[in-house]
C-alpha atoms as a PDB file:
ATOM      1  CA  MET A   1     -25.895 -31.834  37.774  1.00  0.00           C
ATOM      2  CA  ARG A   2     -28.138 -29.269  37.045  1.00  0.00           C
ATOM      3  CA  TYR A   3     -26.015 -28.187  34.231  1.00  0.00           C
ATOM      4  CA  ASN A   4     -25.456 -31.490  32.996  1.00  0.00           C
ATOM      5  CA  HIS A   5     -29.397 -32.001  33.385  1.00  0.00           C
ATOM      6  CA  SER A   6     -30.126 -29.300  31.057  1.00  0.00           C
ATOM      7  CA  ILE A   7     -28.007 -30.739  28.429  1.00  0.00           C
ATOM      8  CA  ASP A   8     -29.537 -33.809  28.372  1.00  0.00           C
ATOM      9  CA  LYS A   9     -32.807 -32.398  27.821  1.00  0.00           C
ATOM     10  CA  ILE A  10     -31.427 -30.878  24.244  1.00  0.00           C
ATOM     11  CA  PRO A  11     -32.813 -33.115  21.672  1.00  0.00           C
ATOM     12  CA  LEU A  12     -29.385 -35.218  20.140  1.00  0.00           C
ATOM     13  CA  HIS A  13     -29.811 -33.969  16.886  1.00  0.00           C
ATOM     14  CA  LYS A  14     -29.532 -30.343  18.073  1.00  0.00           C
ATOM     15  CA  ARG A  15     -26.388 -31.064  20.221  1.00  0.00           C
ATOM     16  CA  VAL A  16     -24.556 -32.664  16.975  1.00  0.00           C
ATOM     17  CA  ILE A  17     -25.331 -29.461  15.210  1.00  0.00           C
ATOM     18  CA  PHE A  18     -24.003 -27.321  17.782  1.00  0.00           C
ATOM     19  CA  TRP A  19     -20.866 -29.165  18.432  1.00  0.00           C
ATOM     20  CA  VAL A  20     -20.077 -29.367  14.594  1.00  0.00           C
ATOM     21  CA  THR A  21     -20.885 -25.850  14.419  1.00  0.00           C
ATOM     22  CA  LEU A  22     -18.678 -24.719  17.037  1.00  0.00           C
ATOM     23  CA  ASN A  23     -15.391 -26.968  15.515  1.00  0.00           C
ATOM     24  CA  VAL A  24     -16.329 -25.215  12.275  1.00  0.00           C
ATOM     25  CA  ALA A  25     -16.232 -21.416  13.643  1.00  0.00           C
ATOM     26  CA  ILE A  26     -13.240 -22.327  15.047  1.00  0.00           C
ATOM     27  CA  VAL A  27     -11.098 -23.974  12.015  1.00  0.00           C
ATOM     28  CA  GLY A  28     -12.528 -21.443  10.154  1.00  0.00           C
ATOM     29  CA  ILE A  29     -11.786 -18.374  12.798  1.00  0.00           C
ATOM     30  CA  THR A  30      -8.331 -20.118  12.929  1.00  0.00           C
ATOM     31  CA  ILE A  31      -7.920 -20.306   9.338  1.00  0.00           C
ATOM     32  CA  SER A  32      -8.644 -16.312   8.951  1.00  0.00           C
ATOM     33  CA  ILE A  33      -6.153 -15.346  11.805  1.00  0.00           C
ATOM     34  CA  PHE A  34      -3.836 -17.574   9.689  1.00  0.00           C
ATOM     35  CA  PHE A  35      -4.623 -15.862   6.054  1.00  0.00           C
ATOM     36  CA  ILE A  36      -4.302 -12.423   7.438  1.00  0.00           C
ATOM     37  CA  ILE A  37      -0.861 -12.782   9.440  1.00  0.00           C
ATOM     38  CA  TYR A  38       0.247 -14.203   6.357  1.00  0.00           C
ATOM     39  CA  PHE A  39      -0.912 -12.172   3.744  1.00  0.00           C
ATOM     40  CA  SER A  40      -0.251  -8.636   5.675  1.00  0.00           C
ATOM     41  CA  PRO A  41       3.255  -8.252   5.155  1.00  0.00           C
ATOM     42  CA  GLN A  42       3.384  -9.476   1.557  1.00  0.00           C
ATOM     43  CA  ILE A  43       1.014  -7.279   0.594  1.00  0.00           C
ATOM     44  CA  LYS A  44       2.964  -4.550   2.271  1.00  0.00           C
ATOM     45  CA  THR A  45       6.111  -5.416   0.790  1.00  0.00           C
ATOM     46  CA  PHE A  46       4.622  -5.545  -2.973  1.00  0.00           C
ATOM     47  CA  LEU A  47       2.950  -1.842  -2.564  1.00  0.00           C
ATOM     48  CA  ASP A  48       6.183  -0.639  -0.374  1.00  0.00           C
ATOM     49  CA  GLU A  49       8.007  -2.339  -3.911  1.00  0.00           C
ATOM     50  CA  ASN A  50       5.253  -0.633  -6.116  1.00  0.00           C
ATOM     51  CA  PHE A  51       5.869   2.896  -4.547  1.00  0.00           C
ATOM     52  CA  GLU A  52       9.397   2.804  -4.779  1.00  0.00           C
ATOM     53  CA  ALA A  53       9.537   1.578  -8.409  1.00  0.00           C
ATOM     54  CA  ASN A  54       7.256   4.927  -9.035  1.00  0.00           C
ATOM     55  CA  LEU A  55       9.397   6.696  -7.125  1.00  0.00           C
ATOM     56  CA  ARG A  56      12.550   5.940  -9.357  1.00  0.00           C
ATOM     57  CA  LEU A  57      10.781   6.475 -12.586  1.00  0.00           C
ATOM     58  CA  ALA A  58       9.599   9.590 -11.189  1.00  0.00           C
ATOM     59  CA  SER A  59      13.139  10.671 -10.626  1.00  0.00           C
ATOM     60  CA  LYS A  60      14.646   8.943 -13.793  1.00  0.00           C
ATOM     61  CA  LEU A  61      11.879  11.169 -15.943  1.00  0.00           C
ATOM     62  CA  GLY A  62      13.263  14.299 -13.882  1.00  0.00           C
ATOM     63  CA  ILE A  63      16.875  13.512 -15.144  1.00  0.00           C
ATOM     64  CA  GLY A  64      15.837  12.506 -18.787  1.00  0.00           C
ATOM     65  CA  ILE A  65      13.972  15.835 -18.805  1.00  0.00           C
ATOM     66  CA  CYS A  66      17.275  17.881 -17.727  1.00  0.00           C
ATOM     67  CA  GLU A  67      19.334  15.881 -20.092  1.00  0.00           C
ATOM     68  CA  THR A  68      17.009  16.328 -22.874  1.00  0.00           C
ATOM     69  CA  HIS A  69      17.031  20.116 -22.349  1.00  0.00           C
ATOM     70  CA  PHE A  70      20.884  20.316 -21.745  1.00  0.00           C
ATOM     71  CA  ASN A  71      21.597  18.320 -24.619  1.00  0.00           C
ATOM     72  CA  GLN A  72      19.783  21.259 -26.638  1.00  0.00           C
ATOM     73  CA  LEU A  73      21.682  23.558 -25.480  1.00  0.00           C
ATOM     74  CA  LEU A  74      24.938  21.748 -26.205  1.00  0.00           C
ATOM     75  CA  GLU A  75      23.500  21.057 -30.032  1.00  0.00           C
ATOM     76  CA  MET A  76      23.293  24.537 -30.328  1.00  0.00           C
ATOM     77  CA  ARG A  77      26.497  25.600 -28.763  1.00  0.00           C
ATOM     78  CA  LEU A  78      25.151  27.550 -26.048  1.00  0.00           C
ATOM     79  CA  GLU A  79      25.934  25.903 -22.935  1.00  0.00           C
ATOM     80  CA  ASP A  80      28.153  29.042 -22.001  1.00  0.00           C
ATOM     81  CA  ASN A  81      24.852  31.566 -22.594  1.00  0.00           C
ATOM     82  CA  GLN A  82      23.800  32.466 -19.281  1.00  0.00           C
ATOM     83  CA  GLU A  83      20.486  33.660 -20.633  1.00  0.00           C
ATOM     84  CA  MET A  84      19.820  30.429 -22.494  1.00  0.00           C
ATOM     85  CA  ASN A  85      20.871  28.482 -19.759  1.00  0.00           C
ATOM     86  CA  VAL A  86      18.280  30.192 -17.226  1.00  0.00           C
ATOM     87  CA  ALA A  87      15.437  29.773 -20.196  1.00  0.00           C
ATOM     88  CA  PHE A  88      16.156  26.100 -20.783  1.00  0.00           C
ATOM     89  CA  ARG A  89      16.292  25.366 -16.881  1.00  0.00           C
ATOM     90  CA  LYS A  90      13.040  26.919 -16.127  1.00  0.00           C
ATOM     91  CA  GLN A  91      11.193  24.893 -18.927  1.00  0.00           C
ATOM     92  CA  ALA A  92      13.031  21.263 -17.533  1.00  0.00           C
ATOM     93  CA  LEU A  93      11.700  22.991 -13.934  1.00  0.00           C
ATOM     94  CA  GLU A  94       8.181  23.010 -15.162  1.00  0.00           C
ATOM     95  CA  GLU A  95       8.227  19.627 -17.154  1.00  0.00           C
ATOM     96  CA  ILE A  96       9.733  17.859 -14.042  1.00  0.00           C
ATOM     97  CA  LYS A  97       6.793  19.499 -11.795  1.00  0.00           C
ATOM     98  CA  ALA A  98       4.257  17.975 -14.474  1.00  0.00           C
ATOM     99  CA  ILE A  99       5.307  14.645 -13.884  1.00  0.00           C
ATOM    100  CA  SER A 100       3.523  14.388 -10.788  1.00  0.00           C
ATOM    101  CA  THR A 101      -0.117  15.152 -12.881  1.00  0.00           C
ATOM    102  CA  GLN A 102       1.271  11.686 -14.513  1.00  0.00           C
ATOM    103  CA  MET A 103       1.735   9.960 -11.630  1.00  0.00           C
ATOM    104  CA  PRO A 104      -0.963  10.095  -8.376  1.00  0.00           C
ATOM    105  CA  ASN A 105       0.304  10.753  -5.303  1.00  0.00           C
ATOM    106  CA  ILE A 106       3.989  11.085  -6.502  1.00  0.00           C
ATOM    107  CA  HIS A 107       5.489  14.537  -5.580  1.00  0.00           C
ATOM    108  CA  MET A 108       8.565  16.081  -7.789  1.00  0.00           C
ATOM    109  CA  LEU A 109      11.385  18.414  -6.106  1.00  0.00           C
ATOM    110  CA  VAL A 110      14.061  20.233  -7.786  1.00  0.00           C
ATOM    111  CA  LEU A 111      16.627  21.384  -5.051  1.00  0.00           C
ATOM    112  CA  GLU A 112      19.802  23.674  -6.338  1.00  0.00           C
ATOM    113  CA  ASN A 113      22.935  23.836  -4.262  1.00  0.00           C
ATOM    114  CA  ASP A 114      21.823  21.118  -1.931  1.00  0.00           C
ATOM    115  CA  GLU A 115      19.525  23.721   0.152  1.00  0.00           C
ATOM    116  CA  ILE A 116      17.667  25.749  -2.513  1.00  0.00           C
ATOM    117  CA  ILE A 117      13.817  24.653  -3.384  1.00  0.00           C
ATOM    118  CA  LYS A 118      13.626  25.819  -6.980  1.00  0.00           C
ATOM    119  CA  THR A 119      10.295  23.715  -7.822  1.00  0.00           C
ATOM    120  CA  ILE A 120       7.956  21.374  -6.166  1.00  0.00           C
ATOM    121  CA  SER A 121       4.509  19.925  -7.126  1.00  0.00           C
ATOM    122  CA  LEU A 122       3.516  20.408  -3.234  1.00  0.00           C
ATOM    123  CA  ASP A 123       2.649  23.575  -1.591  1.00  0.00           C
ATOM    124  CA  ILE A 124       5.222  23.937   1.374  1.00  0.00           C
ATOM    125  CA  LYS A 125       5.986  26.658   4.042  1.00  0.00           C
ATOM    126  CA  THR A 126       9.836  26.963   2.989  1.00  0.00           C
ATOM    127  CA  ASN A 127      11.986  27.340   0.293  1.00  0.00           C
ATOM    128  CA  LYS A 128      15.096  25.332   2.023  1.00  0.00           C
ATOM    129  CA  TRP A 129      16.076  22.031   2.338  1.00  0.00           C
ATOM    130  CA  SER A 130      17.624  20.656   5.950  1.00  0.00           C
ATOM    131  CA  GLU A 131      17.308  17.130   5.167  1.00  0.00           C
ATOM    132  CA  PRO A 132      19.696  14.262   3.587  1.00  0.00           C
ATOM    133  CA  LYS A 133      22.204  16.165   0.980  1.00  0.00           C
ATOM    134  CA  LYS A 134      22.733  13.942  -2.380  1.00  0.00           C
ATOM    135  CA  ALA A 135      25.582  12.254  -0.502  1.00  0.00           C
ATOM    136  CA  LEU A 136      22.882  10.095   1.740  1.00  0.00           C
ATOM    137  CA  PHE A 137      20.610   9.155  -1.572  1.00  0.00           C
ATOM    138  CA  LYS A 138      22.855   6.879  -3.705  1.00  0.00           C
ATOM    139  CA  ASP A 139      20.223   5.896  -5.618  1.00  0.00           C
ATOM    140  CA  LYS A 140      18.380   4.668  -2.723  1.00  0.00           C
ATOM    141  CA  VAL A 141      14.645   5.350  -1.543  1.00  0.00           C
ATOM    142  CA  ILE A 142      14.831   6.735   2.277  1.00  0.00           C
ATOM    143  CA  ASN A 143      12.431   7.854   4.852  1.00  0.00           C
ATOM    144  CA  THR A 144      12.701  11.433   5.660  1.00  0.00           C
ATOM    145  CA  LYS A 145      10.970  14.655   6.158  1.00  0.00           C
ATOM    146  CA  ILE A 146       9.704  17.400   4.184  1.00  0.00           C
ATOM    147  CA  ASP A 147       8.620  20.449   5.883  1.00  0.00           C
ATOM    148  CA  ASN A 148       7.877  18.529   8.809  1.00  0.00           C
ATOM    149  CA  ILE A 149       5.872  16.217   6.289  1.00  0.00           C
ATOM    150  CA  SER A 150       6.700  12.252   6.436  1.00  0.00           C
ATOM    151  CA  ALA A 151       7.611  10.927   3.158  1.00  0.00           C
ATOM    152  CA  LYS A 152       9.834   8.228   0.725  1.00  0.00           C
ATOM    153  CA  ILE A 153      11.941  10.149  -1.131  1.00  0.00           C
ATOM    154  CA  HIS A 154      14.285   9.348  -4.189  1.00  0.00           C
ATOM    155  CA  GLY A 155      16.805  11.508  -5.842  1.00  0.00           C
ATOM    156  CA  ARG A 156      19.124  11.262  -8.652  1.00  0.00           C
ATOM    157  CA  TYR A 157      21.744  14.407  -9.135  1.00  0.00           C
ATOM    158  CA  PHE A 158      22.203  16.193 -12.669  1.00  0.00           C
ATOM    159  CA  PRO A 159      25.965  17.428 -12.478  1.00  0.00           C
ATOM    160  CA  PHE A 160      25.657  19.963 -15.298  1.00  0.00           C
ATOM    161  CA  TRP A 161      23.411  22.034 -13.391  1.00  0.00           C
ATOM    162  CA  ASP A 162      24.284  20.914  -9.605  1.00  0.00           C
ATOM    163  CA  CYS A 163      20.512  19.948  -8.901  1.00  0.00           C
ATOM    164  CA  GLN A 164      18.785  17.266  -7.250  1.00  0.00           C
ATOM    165  CA  ILE A 165      15.589  15.836  -9.132  1.00  0.00           C
ATOM    166  CA  ILE A 166      13.279  14.462  -6.322  1.00  0.00           C
ATOM    167  CA  SER A 167      10.695  12.570  -5.961  1.00  0.00           C
ATOM    168  CA  PHE A 168       8.605  11.544  -2.858  1.00  0.00           C
ATOM    169  CA  ILE A 169       5.307  10.453  -1.651  1.00  0.00           C
ATOM    170  CA  ASN A 170       3.726  11.594   1.581  1.00  0.00           C
ATOM    171  CA  GLU A 171       3.651   9.069   4.456  1.00  0.00           C
ATOM    172  CA  LYS A 172       0.136   8.922   4.402  1.00  0.00           C
ATOM    173  CA  ASP A 173      -0.426   8.876   0.718  1.00  0.00           C
ATOM    174  CA  TYR A 174       1.589   5.206   0.934  1.00  0.00           C
ATOM    175  CA  LEU A 175      -0.069   3.899   4.015  1.00  0.00           C
ATOM    176  CA  SER A 176      -4.045   4.477   3.417  1.00  0.00           C
ATOM    177  CA  PRO A 177      -3.713   1.912   0.212  1.00  0.00           C
ATOM    178  CA  ILE A 178      -1.637  -0.373   2.627  1.00  0.00           C
ATOM    179  CA  ALA A 179      -4.781  -0.340   5.109  1.00  0.00           C
ATOM    180  CA  THR A 180      -6.851  -0.382   2.502  1.00  0.00           C
ATOM    181  CA  ALA A 181      -5.042  -3.879   1.556  1.00  0.00           C
ATOM    182  CA  ARG A 182      -5.343  -5.162   4.948  1.00  0.00           C
ATOM    183  CA  ARG A 183      -9.216  -4.261   5.508  1.00  0.00           C
ATOM    184  CA  VAL A 184     -10.169  -6.312   2.087  1.00  0.00           C
ATOM    185  CA  VAL A 185      -8.036  -9.142   2.932  1.00  0.00           C
ATOM    186  CA  TYR A 186      -9.716  -9.109   6.588  1.00  0.00           C
ATOM    187  CA  PHE A 187     -12.875  -8.950   5.156  1.00  0.00           C
ATOM    188  CA  ARG A 188     -12.714 -10.862   2.008  1.00  0.00           C
ATOM    189  CA  THR A 189     -11.754 -14.014   4.427  1.00  0.00           C
ATOM    190  CA  MET A 190     -14.497 -13.248   6.861  1.00  0.00           C
ATOM    191  CA  GLY A 191     -16.985 -13.122   3.873  1.00  0.00           C
ATOM    192  CA  VAL A 192     -15.206 -16.816   3.020  1.00  0.00           C
ATOM    193  CA  LEU A 193     -15.763 -18.315   6.127  1.00  0.00           C
ATOM    194  CA  ILE A 194     -19.507 -16.653   6.616  1.00  0.00           C
ATOM    195  CA  ALA A 195     -20.630 -18.258   3.474  1.00  0.00           C
ATOM    196  CA  VAL A 196     -18.469 -21.631   4.017  1.00  0.00           C
ATOM    197  CA  PHE A 197     -20.202 -21.427   7.722  1.00  0.00           C
ATOM    198  CA  ILE A 198     -23.765 -21.339   6.277  1.00  0.00           C
ATOM    199  CA  THR A 199     -23.507 -23.561   3.533  1.00  0.00           C
ATOM    200  CA  LEU A 200     -22.236 -26.736   5.879  1.00  0.00           C
ATOM    201  CA  LEU A 201     -24.444 -25.250   8.850  1.00  0.00           C
ATOM    202  CA  PHE A 202     -27.567 -25.908   5.648  1.00  0.00           C
ATOM    203  CA  VAL A 203     -25.454 -28.886   4.454  1.00  0.00           C
ATOM    204  CA  PHE A 204     -25.183 -30.902   7.553  1.00  0.00           C
ATOM    205  CA  HIS A 205     -29.081 -29.812   8.804  1.00  0.00           C
ATOM    206  CA  ARG A 206     -30.276 -31.509   5.296  1.00  0.00           C
ATOM    207  CA  ALA A 207     -28.149 -34.174   5.120  1.00  0.00           C
ATOM    208  CA  ILE A 208     -27.610 -35.527   8.730  1.00  0.00           C
ATOM    209  CA  GLY A 209     -29.211 -33.095  11.510  1.00  0.00           C
ATOM    210  CA  LYS A 210     -32.875 -34.085   9.723  1.00  0.00           C
ATOM    211  CA  PRO A 211     -32.490 -37.636   9.116  1.00  0.00           C
ATOM    212  CA  LEU A 212     -30.934 -37.932  12.726  1.00  0.00           C
ATOM    213  CA  LYS A 213     -33.946 -35.860  14.246  1.00  0.00           C
ATOM    214  CA  GLU A 214     -36.545 -38.555  12.562  1.00  0.00           C
ATOM    215  CA  LEU A 215     -33.965 -41.105  13.787  1.00  0.00           C
ATOM    216  CA  THR A 216     -34.637 -40.108  17.450  1.00  0.00           C
ATOM    217  CA  SER A 217     -37.981 -39.359  17.450  1.00  0.00           C
ATOM    218  CA  ALA A 218     -38.660 -43.071  15.739  1.00  0.00           C
ATOM    219  CA  THR A 219     -36.454 -44.588  18.694  1.00  0.00           C
ATOM    220  CA  ILE A 220     -38.153 -42.240  21.709  1.00  0.00           C
ATOM    221  CA  ASN A 221     -41.761 -43.363  19.963  1.00  0.00           C
ATOM    222  CA  VAL A 222     -40.787 -47.179  20.025  1.00  0.00           C
END
């Protein structure tokens, strides 16, 4: 009874504003949660597809470099010249490694005989490869580890030099943008909610609350 009596003492216009505000807040929070739950997986899918497309592009560029240098050897009829093969392969390795400077967060690796790392654009402690071999790639992006670093990788095989052209991105580098995108969705949604909430509160106070207060006061005075 004391609780109800206390509520009765609150002016009618304030009670109306309170209940309207409460309902708007509940609806707004519900909509915000829906947007966050709905859009977060879509953002993750979009970024995953973008990363995978970049990995495939980087591997394709690496294969293109190998083909260009090998074709030059063929044109000069030097494919059987061991010294020229070594020189052209060395040049190709440098150009493949340089791909990572053109594509942020994408690293390049060239694997020889399925186990020897000939070049890599990231500092690691080993020159041995103990993860998936060429048969496992099949032009697919897979998750694996490179020197205990979790990564997404994509590999293409160049048969003439028996080497794998591998592009990869570290787990932290592809998870960070996803987390950032989720935060952006969350804060923007909450920002819109707060702006709408304040606007509705102001409009309601001016259009309904104030006249209701005056009407209540006039009724009490009568």
